Amino acid sequence: MDNRPEIARAAAEAAARQSYGKLVAFLAARTRDVAGAEDALADAFAAALERWPQTGVPEKPEAWLLAVARRRGVDAVRRRQTGEAARDHLKLIAEEVEARMTDEELPDERLRLMFACAHPAIEASVRAPLILQTILGFDAATIASAFLVSPATMGQRLVRAKTRIREIGIPFRVPERAELGERLGAVLEAIYAAFAEGWTDPAGTETRRRNLATEGIWLGRLVASLMPDEPEAVGLLALMLFAEARRAARRSPDGDFVPLAEQDTALWDDTLIDEAEDLLERAAAKEIIGRYQLEAAVQSAHTARRRGGRTDWAAIRQLYDALLALAGSPVVAINRAVAIAEDEGAAAGLAALYVLGDDKRLDDYQPYWAARAGLLARLGTTGLAAEAYDRAIGLERDPAVRRFLQEKRAKLTML
């Protein structure tokens, strides 16, 4: 057996990637102590990094980690006494548990843990972040970035939420149908938040956001497989697959941003699109329409261009009408205005956009200013268009998108 430290570390990292949420869920479901489960698992991974380079990677890393983590809870007080005692004791545990491995499969409690995190007793704003941390092991800084708060604030919220789960004994179970709606929404929101944060890093080069889109799809597949009769769970998976299918077309070979309307459809992933279409059809068959299904239907309408060569903007506008009636989101309203502009002309689109002008949430929302600038430019109102482009450029964090907006701004002077 190869005992090189790098092999052991790679095995520990692989186990963390594949099993972290499963192990936390299994431990926490029995104790209601999410923080304690995370601490126990952290100790188990530390033991693996120390032990496996010496003894080799065990045949069943997941079972090894679980056994060490479970013993940690029993022996926590003794191991806090001295560092040396802790290391020696973990070695003894490791030797004991390797001899006691069985072929039993670890039950998957992740869905139950997700619903515990989405319990009404947990503050609504922290339910999605809590799911991201407990299931995927995200640190507070990564989660804070996704939810636009400081890492310190996010860390405090997560600690309070875990304490509440333990103190009031929130049950780890999938809720009954009557109480499912709101809590399933929180679970799906967490998954979509993970995907969206990774989606904003199309090249996958930012360490803190690396693989988040992949993780979001993985979670989406998990929930859709465990709840196949929930149309919104299936619809969310379809939505993420439609978006992921276009990843290779979102940047030019030089790293420049390519807007959806100008993307080379030959670069889209037909396999993912076909899977998404099948999922959307399956969800629609339940005849219970929801946000994620409608958003997936919008993406389906866009991807139809790969065959017909044109985009059906009238259909997309109708889908946004339905979404706006269902969700009332300013983000949806902006996309609807863009669709109206493509279907009826820039003036009609701008009129729909101006209706949103009093919403203060849009003051610092880049897509609003970019859409406004583009429509003003199409109408020849270059002065106002330039002001809107300046606002959008100042709000944009992605260098490639910022360059794209700057190029649009520069072309105004040529008109």
Protein backbone atom coordinates (compact mmCIF):
# COMPACT_ATOMS: atom_id res chain seq x y z
CA MET A 1 0.00 0.00 0.00
CA ASP A 2 1.35 3.39 -0.97
CA ASN A 3 1.85 5.45 2.18
CA ARG A 4 3.03 8.70 0.66
CA PRO A 5 1.58 11.73 2.47
CA GLU A 6 0.19 13.21 -0.72
CA ILE A 7 -1.81 10.04 -1.39
CA ALA A 8 -3.24 10.15 2.11
CA ARG A 9 -4.10 13.83 1.81
CA ALA A 10 -5.78 13.29 -1.57
CA ALA A 11 -7.82 10.44 -0.09
CA ALA A 12 -8.89 12.60 2.86
CA GLU A 13 -9.88 15.44 0.52
CA ALA A 14 -11.84 13.03 -1.68
CA ALA A 15 -13.66 11.67 1.36
CA ALA A 16 -14.46 15.20 2.45
CA ARG A 17 -15.83 16.06 -1.00
CA GLN A 18 -17.93 12.93 -1.28
CA SER A 19 -19.01 12.31 2.29
CA TYR A 20 -18.87 15.50 4.37
CA GLY A 21 -22.59 16.26 4.33
CA LYS A 22 -23.54 12.62 4.62
CA LEU A 23 -21.39 12.18 7.73
CA VAL A 24 -22.51 15.44 9.38
CA ALA A 25 -26.14 14.53 8.69
CA PHE A 26 -25.75 11.03 10.14
CA LEU A 27 -24.08 12.31 13.32
CA ALA A 28 -26.33 15.33 13.83
CA ALA A 29 -29.55 13.39 13.24
CA ARG A 30 -28.81 11.40 16.39
CA THR A 31 -27.68 14.24 18.64
CA ARG A 32 -29.45 17.37 17.22
CA ASP A 33 -26.02 18.97 17.68
CA VAL A 34 -24.91 20.17 14.25
CA ALA A 35 -21.91 22.12 15.57
CA GLY A 36 -20.80 19.12 17.64
CA ALA A 37 -21.08 16.88 14.59
CA GLU A 38 -18.96 19.30 12.55
CA ASP A 39 -16.35 19.47 15.32
CA ALA A 40 -16.25 15.69 15.64
CA LEU A 41 -15.80 15.30 11.90
CA ALA A 42 -13.05 17.93 11.86
CA ASP A 43 -11.19 15.87 14.46
CA ALA A 44 -11.70 12.74 12.38
CA PHE A 45 -10.23 14.41 9.28
CA ALA A 46 -7.29 15.64 11.36
CA ALA A 47 -6.74 12.07 12.57
CA ALA A 48 -6.88 10.81 8.98
CA LEU A 49 -4.24 13.30 7.84
CA GLU A 50 -2.00 12.18 10.68
CA ARG A 51 -2.68 8.46 10.57
CA TRP A 52 -3.16 7.53 6.93
CA PRO A 53 0.34 8.53 5.78
CA GLN A 54 1.68 5.99 8.30
CA THR A 55 -0.78 3.12 7.95
CA GLY A 56 -2.14 3.67 4.47
CA VAL A 57 -5.62 4.68 3.36
CA PRO A 58 -8.24 2.34 4.85
CA GLU A 59 -10.40 0.26 2.56
CA LYS A 60 -13.51 2.22 3.63
CA PRO A 61 -12.49 5.83 4.37
CA GLU A 62 -16.06 6.96 5.05
CA ALA A 63 -16.65 4.29 7.69
CA TRP A 64 -13.25 5.01 9.26
CA LEU A 65 -14.06 8.72 9.56
CA LEU A 66 -17.52 8.03 10.98
CA ALA A 67 -16.18 5.68 13.65
CA VAL A 68 -13.54 8.16 14.78
CA ALA A 69 -16.04 11.04 14.79
CA ARG A 70 -18.56 9.08 16.85
CA ARG A 71 -15.95 8.23 19.46
CA ARG A 72 -14.96 11.88 19.63
CA GLY A 73 -18.30 12.85 21.15
CA VAL A 74 -17.91 10.34 23.95
CA ASP A 75 -14.32 11.23 24.68
CA ALA A 76 -14.38 15.01 24.13
CA VAL A 77 -13.56 15.96 27.70
CA ARG A 78 -10.58 13.62 27.99
CA ARG A 79 -9.11 14.74 24.66
CA ARG A 80 -9.27 18.41 25.64
CA GLN A 81 -6.84 17.81 28.52
CA THR A 82 -3.59 17.79 26.53
CA GLY A 83 -2.65 17.81 22.90
CA GLU A 84 -0.40 14.77 23.26
CA ALA A 85 -3.14 12.79 24.94
CA ALA A 86 -5.48 13.72 22.12
CA ARG A 87 -3.13 12.49 19.40
CA ASP A 88 -2.35 9.23 21.19
CA HIS A 89 -5.98 8.55 21.86
CA LEU A 90 -7.03 9.18 18.26
CA LYS A 91 -4.41 6.68 17.13
CA LEU A 92 -5.84 4.06 19.47
CA ILE A 93 -9.36 4.77 18.19
CA ALA A 94 -8.19 4.44 14.60
CA GLU A 95 -6.64 1.06 15.31
CA GLU A 96 -9.79 -0.14 17.06
CA VAL A 97 -12.29 0.96 14.45
CA GLU A 98 -10.40 -0.41 11.46
CA ALA A 99 -10.95 -3.88 12.87
CA ARG A 100 -14.67 -3.25 13.27
CA MET A 101 -15.58 -2.10 9.74
CA THR A 102 -18.67 -3.74 8.27
CA ASP A 103 -20.23 -3.86 4.85
CA GLU A 104 -23.23 -1.86 6.04
CA GLU A 105 -24.02 1.18 3.92
CA LEU A 106 -24.25 4.49 5.77
CA PRO A 107 -27.86 5.73 5.63
CA ASP A 108 -28.23 9.01 3.78
CA GLU A 109 -29.71 11.59 6.16
CA ARG A 110 -28.81 14.68 4.11
CA LEU A 111 -32.36 15.50 3.02
CA ARG A 112 -33.52 15.34 6.65
CA LEU A 113 -30.70 17.66 7.69
CA MET A 114 -31.64 20.12 4.93
CA PHE A 115 -35.20 20.27 6.22
CA ALA A 116 -34.03 20.70 9.81
CA CYS A 117 -32.03 23.71 8.63
CA ALA A 118 -35.15 25.03 6.87
CA HIS A 119 -37.38 24.66 9.95
CA PRO A 120 -39.66 27.66 10.72
CA ALA A 121 -37.89 28.08 14.06
CA ILE A 122 -34.71 29.01 12.17
CA GLU A 123 -34.50 32.63 11.02
CA ALA A 124 -35.50 32.75 7.35
CA SER A 125 -32.39 34.64 6.20
CA VAL A 126 -30.03 31.99 7.55
CA ARG A 127 -31.78 28.82 6.41
CA ALA A 128 -30.12 28.67 2.99
CA PRO A 129 -26.63 29.57 4.31
CA LEU A 130 -26.98 26.93 7.02
CA ILE A 131 -27.75 24.25 4.43
CA LEU A 132 -24.72 25.26 2.38
CA GLN A 133 -22.43 24.94 5.38
CA THR A 134 -23.76 21.71 6.85
CA ILE A 135 -24.19 19.79 3.59
CA LEU A 136 -21.28 21.14 1.55
CA GLY A 137 -18.92 22.30 4.29
CA PHE A 138 -18.64 25.88 2.94
CA ASP A 139 -16.86 28.29 5.25
CA ALA A 140 -18.54 31.47 6.47
CA ALA A 141 -16.50 33.66 4.09
CA THR A 142 -17.69 31.81 0.99
CA ILE A 143 -21.31 31.83 2.15
CA ALA A 144 -21.08 35.51 3.11
CA SER A 145 -19.91 36.31 -0.42
CA ALA A 146 -22.95 34.57 -1.89
CA PHE A 147 -25.39 36.38 0.42
CA LEU A 148 -23.73 39.81 0.42
CA VAL A 149 -22.98 40.08 4.16
CA SER A 150 -19.72 40.21 6.09
CA PRO A 151 -18.04 36.90 7.07
CA ALA A 152 -18.23 37.87 10.78
CA THR A 153 -21.97 38.51 10.57
CA MET A 154 -22.58 35.30 8.65
CA GLY A 155 -20.49 33.32 11.12
CA GLN A 156 -22.53 34.64 14.06
CA ARG A 157 -25.82 33.82 12.33
CA LEU A 158 -24.73 30.28 11.58
CA VAL A 159 -23.62 29.67 15.17
CA ARG A 160 -26.94 30.96 16.51
CA ALA A 161 -28.90 28.76 14.12
CA LYS A 162 -27.00 25.61 15.09
CA THR A 163 -27.50 26.42 18.77
CA ARG A 164 -31.22 26.78 18.17
CA ILE A 165 -31.45 23.38 16.49
CA ARG A 166 -29.86 21.79 19.55
CA GLU A 167 -31.69 23.80 22.23
CA ILE A 168 -35.25 23.31 20.96
CA GLY A 169 -34.67 19.84 19.53
CA ILE A 170 -35.66 20.53 15.92
CA PRO A 171 -36.53 17.15 14.40
CA PHE A 172 -34.55 15.74 11.47
CA ARG A 173 -37.32 14.62 9.17
CA VAL A 174 -38.93 15.38 5.82
CA PRO A 175 -42.09 17.35 6.71
CA GLU A 176 -45.60 16.26 5.92
CA ARG A 177 -47.28 17.59 2.79
CA ALA A 178 -49.14 20.36 4.64
CA GLU A 179 -45.91 21.97 5.88
CA LEU A 180 -43.65 21.06 2.97
CA GLY A 181 -44.06 24.13 0.75
CA GLU A 182 -42.19 26.83 2.65
CA ARG A 183 -39.41 24.54 3.82
CA LEU A 184 -38.85 22.97 0.42
CA GLY A 185 -38.54 26.52 -0.91
CA ALA A 186 -35.70 27.23 1.54
CA VAL A 187 -33.92 24.03 0.53
CA LEU A 188 -34.19 24.85 -3.18
CA GLU A 189 -33.12 28.46 -2.55
CA ALA A 190 -29.93 27.21 -0.90
CA ILE A 191 -29.13 24.96 -3.82
CA TYR A 192 -29.77 27.70 -6.37
CA ALA A 193 -27.67 30.16 -4.35
CA ALA A 194 -24.71 27.76 -4.49
CA PHE A 195 -25.11 27.28 -8.23
CA ALA A 196 -25.56 30.98 -8.95
CA GLU A 197 -22.43 31.93 -7.02
CA GLY A 198 -20.38 29.47 -9.07
CA TRP A 199 -22.11 30.60 -12.25
CA THR A 200 -20.71 34.11 -11.77
CA ASP A 201 -17.20 32.62 -12.00
CA PRO A 202 -17.48 31.03 -15.46
CA ALA A 203 -13.84 29.97 -15.70
CA GLY A 204 -13.83 28.38 -12.24
CA THR A 205 -10.67 30.25 -11.31
CA GLU A 206 -11.68 31.94 -8.04
CA THR A 207 -10.72 29.66 -5.15
CA ARG A 208 -13.57 30.65 -2.86
CA ARG A 209 -16.17 30.03 -5.56
CA ARG A 210 -14.52 27.11 -7.34
CA ASN A 211 -16.87 24.22 -8.16
CA LEU A 212 -19.91 25.89 -6.55
CA ALA A 213 -21.96 25.46 -9.72
CA THR A 214 -21.00 21.79 -9.83
CA GLU A 215 -21.88 21.41 -6.14
CA GLY A 216 -25.23 23.10 -6.71
CA ILE A 217 -26.10 20.70 -9.53
CA TRP A 218 -24.97 17.78 -7.38
CA LEU A 219 -27.30 18.91 -4.58
CA GLY A 220 -30.08 19.45 -7.10
CA ARG A 221 -29.69 15.90 -8.35
CA LEU A 222 -29.75 14.63 -4.77
CA VAL A 223 -33.01 16.38 -3.89
CA ALA A 224 -34.66 15.53 -7.22
CA SER A 225 -33.74 11.87 -6.77
CA LEU A 226 -35.02 11.78 -3.18
CA MET A 227 -38.19 13.76 -4.02
CA PRO A 228 -38.98 12.77 -7.63
CA ASP A 229 -42.65 13.79 -7.33
CA GLU A 230 -41.89 17.40 -6.36
CA PRO A 231 -42.10 19.39 -9.62
CA GLU A 232 -40.16 22.41 -8.30
CA ALA A 233 -37.23 20.21 -7.22
CA VAL A 234 -37.15 18.69 -10.70
CA GLY A 235 -37.67 22.11 -12.28
CA LEU A 236 -34.71 23.60 -10.42
CA LEU A 237 -32.44 20.83 -11.63
CA ALA A 238 -33.62 21.48 -15.19
CA LEU A 239 -32.94 25.21 -14.78
CA MET A 240 -29.37 24.64 -13.58
CA LEU A 241 -28.63 22.15 -16.36
CA PHE A 242 -29.88 24.56 -19.04
CA ALA A 243 -27.55 27.23 -17.69
CA GLU A 244 -24.58 24.90 -17.25
CA ALA A 245 -25.00 23.68 -20.82
CA ARG A 246 -23.96 27.14 -22.05
CA ARG A 247 -20.84 27.50 -19.90
CA ALA A 248 -18.33 26.90 -22.71
CA ALA A 249 -19.95 29.62 -24.85
CA ARG A 250 -20.01 32.38 -22.22
CA ARG A 251 -16.42 33.48 -22.84
CA SER A 252 -14.40 33.84 -26.04
CA PRO A 253 -11.02 32.09 -26.37
CA ASP A 254 -9.49 35.38 -25.18
CA GLY A 255 -11.70 35.45 -22.08
CA ASP A 256 -14.12 38.12 -23.32
CA PHE A 257 -17.76 38.07 -22.23
CA VAL A 258 -20.20 36.79 -24.87
CA PRO A 259 -23.88 37.71 -24.29
CA LEU A 260 -26.48 34.99 -24.72
CA ALA A 261 -27.80 36.33 -28.04
CA GLU A 262 -24.31 36.18 -29.58
CA GLN A 263 -23.20 32.80 -28.24
CA ASP A 264 -22.16 30.05 -30.64
CA THR A 265 -24.83 27.39 -30.17
CA ALA A 266 -22.37 24.72 -31.39
CA LEU A 267 -20.56 25.20 -28.07
CA TRP A 268 -23.67 24.43 -26.04
CA ASP A 269 -23.81 20.99 -24.42
CA ASP A 270 -26.62 19.12 -26.19
CA THR A 271 -26.57 16.25 -23.67
CA LEU A 272 -27.25 18.57 -20.74
CA ILE A 273 -29.92 20.46 -22.69
CA ASP A 274 -31.70 17.22 -23.64
CA GLU A 275 -31.62 16.07 -20.00
CA ALA A 276 -33.00 19.43 -18.89
CA GLU A 277 -35.82 19.24 -21.45
CA ASP A 278 -36.79 15.78 -20.20
CA LEU A 279 -36.79 16.99 -16.59
CA LEU A 280 -38.89 20.05 -17.45
CA GLU A 281 -41.41 17.89 -19.27
CA ARG A 282 -41.56 15.56 -16.25
CA ALA A 283 -42.14 18.48 -13.89
CA ALA A 284 -44.82 20.02 -16.11
CA ALA A 285 -46.72 16.74 -16.11
CA LYS A 286 -47.51 17.32 -12.42
CA GLU A 287 -49.53 20.42 -13.44
CA ILE A 288 -48.31 22.43 -10.43
CA ILE A 289 -46.44 25.40 -11.88
CA GLY A 290 -43.78 27.16 -9.84
CA ARG A 291 -40.94 29.65 -10.13
CA TYR A 292 -38.16 27.26 -11.04
CA GLN A 293 -40.20 25.53 -13.73
CA LEU A 294 -41.04 28.88 -15.32
CA GLU A 295 -37.41 30.00 -15.20
CA ALA A 296 -36.37 26.69 -16.74
CA ALA A 297 -39.00 27.18 -19.46
CA VAL A 298 -37.42 30.58 -20.27
CA GLN A 299 -34.06 28.88 -20.66
CA SER A 300 -35.64 26.19 -22.81
CA ALA A 301 -37.03 28.89 -25.10
CA HIS A 302 -33.57 30.42 -25.42
CA THR A 303 -31.91 27.09 -26.21
CA ALA A 304 -34.44 26.43 -28.99
CA ARG A 305 -32.25 28.77 -31.07
CA ARG A 306 -29.77 25.92 -31.53
CA ARG A 307 -32.25 24.28 -33.91
CA GLY A 308 -34.45 27.03 -35.31
CA GLY A 309 -31.84 29.77 -35.50
CA ARG A 310 -34.15 32.33 -33.90
CA THR A 311 -35.41 33.22 -30.42
CA ASP A 312 -39.15 33.28 -29.72
CA TRP A 313 -39.26 36.52 -27.73
CA ALA A 314 -43.06 36.58 -27.58
CA ALA A 315 -43.05 33.24 -25.77
CA ILE A 316 -40.29 34.40 -23.44
CA ARG A 317 -42.23 37.57 -22.64
CA GLN A 318 -45.31 35.47 -21.77
CA LEU A 319 -43.23 33.30 -19.44
CA TYR A 320 -41.88 36.41 -17.72
CA ASP A 321 -45.46 37.70 -17.39
CA ALA A 322 -46.31 34.51 -15.51
CA LEU A 323 -43.15 34.73 -13.41
CA LEU A 324 -43.84 38.34 -12.49
CA ALA A 325 -47.37 37.44 -11.39
CA LEU A 326 -46.00 34.58 -9.32
CA ALA A 327 -42.89 36.12 -7.78
CA GLY A 328 -43.14 39.91 -8.21
CA SER A 329 -39.35 40.19 -8.30
CA PRO A 330 -37.65 43.31 -9.75
CA VAL A 331 -35.08 40.97 -11.32
CA VAL A 332 -37.89 39.21 -13.21
CA ALA A 333 -39.34 42.60 -14.16
CA ILE A 334 -36.02 43.68 -15.71
CA ASN A 335 -35.79 40.49 -17.78
CA ARG A 336 -39.42 40.95 -18.82
CA ALA A 337 -38.64 44.50 -20.01
CA VAL A 338 -35.76 43.20 -22.11
CA ALA A 339 -38.05 40.56 -23.64
CA ILE A 340 -40.67 43.24 -24.39
CA ALA A 341 -37.99 45.32 -26.13
CA GLU A 342 -37.05 42.38 -28.35
CA ASP A 343 -40.69 41.60 -29.09
CA GLU A 344 -42.24 45.07 -29.40
CA GLY A 345 -39.34 47.49 -29.68
CA ALA A 346 -36.93 49.41 -27.46
CA ALA A 347 -39.48 52.11 -26.52
CA ALA A 348 -41.92 49.54 -25.13
CA GLY A 349 -39.13 47.83 -23.24
CA LEU A 350 -37.88 51.10 -21.76
CA ALA A 351 -41.41 52.00 -20.65
CA ALA A 352 -41.63 48.68 -18.79
CA LEU A 353 -38.23 49.35 -17.24
CA TYR A 354 -39.08 52.88 -16.11
CA VAL A 355 -42.01 51.54 -14.09
CA LEU A 356 -39.37 50.07 -11.76
CA GLY A 357 -37.53 53.35 -11.28
CA ASP A 358 -38.81 53.97 -7.72
CA ASP A 359 -37.54 50.61 -6.41
CA LYS A 360 -34.50 51.53 -4.30
CA ARG A 361 -33.18 47.98 -4.53
CA LEU A 362 -32.21 48.74 -8.13
CA ASP A 363 -29.93 51.66 -7.29
CA ASP A 364 -26.93 49.35 -7.00
CA TYR A 365 -28.13 46.54 -9.25
CA GLN A 366 -25.90 46.34 -12.32
CA PRO A 367 -28.29 44.44 -14.67
CA TYR A 368 -30.89 47.21 -14.31
CA TRP A 369 -28.47 49.91 -15.39
CA ALA A 370 -27.01 47.77 -18.19
CA ALA A 371 -30.49 47.03 -19.56
CA ARG A 372 -31.45 50.69 -19.29
CA ALA A 373 -28.27 51.78 -21.06
CA GLY A 374 -28.77 49.33 -23.90
CA LEU A 375 -32.36 50.40 -24.54
CA LEU A 376 -31.51 54.11 -24.38
CA ALA A 377 -28.67 53.53 -26.85
CA ARG A 378 -31.03 51.76 -29.26
CA LEU A 379 -33.33 54.79 -29.11
CA GLY A 380 -30.43 57.14 -29.85
CA THR A 381 -30.52 58.86 -26.45
CA THR A 382 -26.76 58.75 -26.13
CA GLY A 383 -26.32 61.12 -23.20
CA LEU A 384 -28.65 59.20 -20.89
CA ALA A 385 -27.29 55.92 -22.24
CA ALA A 386 -23.74 56.97 -21.36
CA GLU A 387 -24.79 57.85 -17.81
CA ALA A 388 -26.47 54.47 -17.39
CA TYR A 389 -23.45 52.64 -18.80
CA ASP A 390 -21.17 54.52 -16.38
CA ARG A 391 -23.38 53.38 -13.51
CA ALA A 392 -23.37 49.77 -14.71
CA ILE A 393 -19.60 49.76 -15.24
CA GLY A 394 -19.02 51.06 -11.74
CA LEU A 395 -21.18 48.33 -10.23
CA GLU A 396 -19.76 45.38 -12.20
CA ARG A 397 -17.24 43.10 -10.44
CA ASP A 398 -16.48 40.72 -13.32
CA PRO A 399 -13.60 42.17 -15.39
CA ALA A 400 -14.83 40.53 -18.61
CA VAL A 401 -18.35 41.93 -18.25
CA ARG A 402 -16.90 45.33 -17.30
CA ARG A 403 -14.82 45.37 -20.51
CA PHE A 404 -17.93 44.44 -22.50
CA LEU A 405 -19.86 47.36 -20.99
CA GLN A 406 -16.96 49.73 -21.56
CA GLU A 407 -16.88 48.77 -25.23
CA LYS A 408 -20.61 49.45 -25.51
CA ARG A 409 -20.09 52.79 -23.80
CA ALA A 410 -17.25 53.72 -26.17
CA LYS A 411 -19.39 53.00 -29.24
CA LEU A 412 -21.85 55.67 -28.17
CA THR A 413 -19.34 58.37 -29.12
CA MET A 414 -19.24 56.98 -32.66
CA LEU A 415 -22.95 57.41 -33.22
